[in-house]
Protein backbone atom coordinates (compact mmCIF):
# COMPACT_ATOMS: atom_id res chain seq x y z
CA UNK A 1 -0.36 -0.15 0.39
CA UNK A 2 1.63 3.33 -1.01
CA UNK A 3 1.78 6.21 0.85
CA UNK A 4 1.23 10.16 0.19
CA UNK A 5 2.82 12.36 2.06
CA UNK A 6 2.18 16.02 2.20
CA UNK A 7 -0.82 17.31 2.50
CA UNK A 8 -3.97 17.01 1.73
CA UNK A 9 -6.07 19.89 -0.16
CA UNK A 10 -8.27 20.60 3.07
CA UNK A 11 -5.34 20.93 4.86
CA UNK A 12 -3.36 23.16 3.39
CA UNK A 13 -6.79 25.54 2.91
CA UNK A 14 -7.02 25.36 6.51
CA UNK A 15 -3.09 26.30 7.80
CA UNK A 16 -3.63 29.10 4.19
CA UNK A 17 -7.35 30.62 6.39
CA UNK A 18 -5.13 30.22 9.63
CA UNK A 19 -2.46 32.04 8.31
CA UNK A 20 -4.85 34.89 6.40
CA UNK A 21 -6.70 35.54 9.07
CA UNK A 22 -3.73 36.49 12.00
CA UNK A 23 -2.58 39.01 8.38
CA UNK A 24 -5.85 40.75 9.51
CA UNK A 25 -6.26 43.95 11.71
CA UNK A 26 -7.49 43.68 15.43
CA UNK A 27 -11.01 42.66 16.57
CA UNK A 28 -13.42 46.89 15.67
CA UNK A 29 -14.75 47.37 18.70
CA UNK A 30 -18.51 48.78 18.32
CA UNK A 31 -18.76 52.12 17.36
CA UNK A 32 -22.71 53.00 18.28
CA UNK A 33 -25.25 51.33 20.09
CA UNK A 34 -25.03 47.51 18.22
CA UNK A 35 -23.50 44.69 17.52
CA UNK A 36 -21.07 43.75 14.97
CA UNK A 37 -22.45 40.54 13.86
CA UNK A 38 -25.63 38.84 15.06
CA UNK A 39 -26.97 35.16 13.71
CA UNK A 40 -30.10 33.63 13.14
CA UNK A 41 -29.13 29.72 11.74
CA UNK A 42 -26.56 29.52 9.36
CA UNK A 43 -25.96 33.55 8.47
CA UNK A 44 -24.28 35.18 9.97
CA UNK A 45 -24.50 39.79 9.73
CA UNK A 46 -22.12 42.17 9.63
CA UNK A 47 -22.70 45.40 11.57
CA UNK A 48 -20.78 47.50 8.78
CA UNK A 49 -17.17 48.19 9.29
CA UNK A 50 -14.87 51.57 7.97
CA UNK A 51 -11.42 50.83 7.21
CA UNK A 52 -10.88 52.26 10.78
CA UNK A 53 -7.82 50.33 12.76
CA UNK A 54 -8.08 51.39 15.79
CA UNK A 55 -10.35 53.95 15.52
CA UNK A 56 -8.24 55.57 13.29
CA UNK A 57 -8.63 56.17 9.51
CA UNK A 58 -6.41 56.35 7.33
CA UNK A 59 -8.01 58.16 4.27
CA UNK A 60 -11.25 60.47 5.06
CA UNK A 61 -13.33 61.73 2.59
CA UNK A 62 -15.28 61.64 -0.97
CA UNK A 63 -13.28 59.34 -3.68
CA UNK A 64 -12.37 60.93 -6.63
CA UNK A 65 -12.71 65.00 -5.81
CA UNK A 66 -9.48 66.37 -5.86
CA UNK A 67 -7.99 66.81 -3.47
CA UNK A 68 -9.40 63.95 -1.31
CA UNK A 69 -8.16 60.23 -1.59
CA UNK A 70 -8.16 58.42 -5.27
CA UNK A 71 -9.70 55.33 -6.91
CA UNK A 72 -6.49 53.28 -5.61
CA UNK A 73 -6.35 54.88 -2.07
CA UNK A 74 -10.00 53.95 -1.33
CA UNK A 75 -9.52 50.55 -2.81
CA UNK A 76 -6.77 50.26 -0.23
CA UNK A 77 -9.62 51.35 1.89
CA UNK A 78 -12.61 48.76 0.79
CA UNK A 79 -9.69 45.86 1.15
CA UNK A 80 -9.08 46.52 5.15
CA UNK A 81 -12.93 47.30 5.41
CA UNK A 82 -13.43 43.80 4.77
CA UNK A 83 -11.03 42.87 6.46
CA UNK A 84 -12.52 44.64 8.98
CA UNK A 85 -15.60 42.18 8.52
CA UNK A 86 -13.96 39.53 8.78
CA UNK A 87 -12.23 39.79 11.87
CA UNK A 88 -15.06 40.39 13.33
CA UNK A 89 -16.71 37.03 11.77
CA UNK A 90 -13.72 35.46 12.81
CA UNK A 91 -13.75 36.53 16.83
CA UNK A 92 -17.93 35.80 16.56
CA UNK A 93 -17.02 32.05 15.33
CA UNK A 94 -13.67 31.35 17.24
CA UNK A 95 -12.07 31.15 13.87
CA UNK A 96 -12.70 31.89 10.09
CA UNK A 97 -12.58 27.81 8.58
CA UNK A 98 -16.84 28.21 10.62
CA UNK A 99 -17.39 30.62 6.99
CA UNK A 100 -19.19 28.21 4.81
CA UNK A 101 -20.17 31.16 1.63
CA UNK A 102 -19.52 34.39 1.96
CA UNK A 103 -23.48 35.14 0.53
CA UNK A 104 -23.26 38.99 -0.10
CA UNK A 105 -21.99 41.63 0.65
CA UNK A 106 -22.71 46.10 0.17
CA UNK A 107 -20.75 48.77 -0.36
CA UNK A 108 -20.74 52.05 0.11
CA UNK A 109 -18.12 54.44 -1.08
CA UNK A 110 -17.81 57.75 -0.34
CA UNK A 111 -18.09 59.52 -3.23
CA UNK A 112 -18.78 62.69 -5.25
CA UNK A 113 -21.71 63.26 -7.78
CA UNK A 114 -19.76 62.33 -10.67
CA UNK A 115 -18.09 59.01 -9.89
CA UNK A 116 -19.02 56.32 -11.30
CA UNK A 117 -16.57 53.62 -10.36
CA UNK A 118 -17.83 52.39 -6.79
CA UNK A 119 -17.94 48.84 -8.64
CA UNK A 120 -14.00 49.46 -9.50
CA UNK A 121 -13.50 50.09 -6.39
CA UNK A 122 -15.87 47.70 -4.30
CA UNK A 123 -13.46 44.40 -6.52
CA UNK A 124 -10.23 45.14 -4.20
CA UNK A 125 -12.65 44.09 -1.25
CA UNK A 126 -14.32 40.70 -3.07
CA UNK A 127 -10.98 39.50 -4.16
CA UNK A 128 -9.96 40.15 -0.21
CA UNK A 129 -12.85 37.75 -0.20
CA UNK A 130 -11.46 35.12 -2.37
CA UNK A 131 -8.24 35.67 -1.11
CA UNK A 132 -9.68 34.11 1.58
CA UNK A 133 -12.15 31.93 1.08
CA UNK A 134 -11.54 31.23 -2.97
CA UNK A 135 -14.12 30.38 -4.95
CA UNK A 136 -17.00 30.22 -2.09
CA UNK A 137 -16.04 34.06 -1.00
CA UNK A 138 -17.08 35.28 -4.05
CA UNK A 139 -20.12 37.19 -2.63
CA UNK A 140 -23.82 38.60 -4.44
CA UNK A 141 -22.64 42.41 -4.38
CA UNK A 142 -24.85 45.72 -4.48
CA UNK A 143 -22.73 48.70 -4.16
CA UNK A 144 -23.09 52.25 -3.65
CA UNK A 145 -22.10 55.60 -4.06
CA UNK A 146 -22.99 58.09 -0.73
CA UNK A 147 -22.58 61.20 -0.37
CA UNK A 148 -20.79 60.49 3.71
CA UNK A 149 -19.42 58.16 6.31
CA UNK A 150 -18.79 57.90 9.58
CA UNK A 151 -16.01 60.00 10.85
CA UNK A 152 -15.71 61.00 6.71
CA UNK A 153 -14.77 57.37 6.25
CA UNK A 154 -14.71 56.77 2.65
CA UNK A 155 -15.84 53.44 2.66
CA UNK A 156 -17.82 51.04 4.70
CA UNK A 157 -18.44 47.42 4.33
CA UNK A 158 -21.28 44.72 5.12
CA UNK A 159 -21.11 40.79 4.54
CA UNK A 160 -23.60 38.31 4.97
CA UNK A 161 -21.90 34.96 5.94
CA UNK A 162 -23.12 31.18 6.20
CA UNK A 163 -20.89 29.60 9.21
CA UNK A 164 -21.25 24.89 9.50
CA UNK A 165 -23.17 24.17 12.35
CA UNK A 166 -22.15 25.51 15.74
CA UNK A 167 -24.22 23.54 18.39
CA UNK A 168 -23.27 24.90 21.68
CA UNK A 169 -22.38 28.30 20.59
CA UNK A 170 -25.81 29.92 20.01
CA UNK A 171 -25.64 33.43 20.81
CA UNK A 172 -28.91 35.83 21.79
């Protein structure tokens, strides 16, 4: 009987996800009267998360205007905002390994009326989800332009994911 040496695909995926999780920013604290994650059956809904790390925003203001963040800046903000969502999910689930599928992402981009590249900005957040979860991270998505976001944030993201059965981890 031949013995196959080396990691099984599931083990390498788990190791990749653990390494990814360790690269996430610290779990954000709610900035108001809400919870970061609500679970209903297998569905988990994140609150809107901005790109703030420890309460500090790297960029402020609407994208696409003179003296304001560029599209590349906004893409970096989108990546960080979705990482913050995943940090909250990891805290709620004791790790991202329980996530089965990213179902939906809603992304809000602070932008002026002439800006139309919201999908390009939010693609950076989608790329981040696919980097973490592979094809099961590719979400249905809305990319919405807004006049302003909390504290002058450039991007805010919320996720809906499904998770494996979590007996003993029921949350109110």
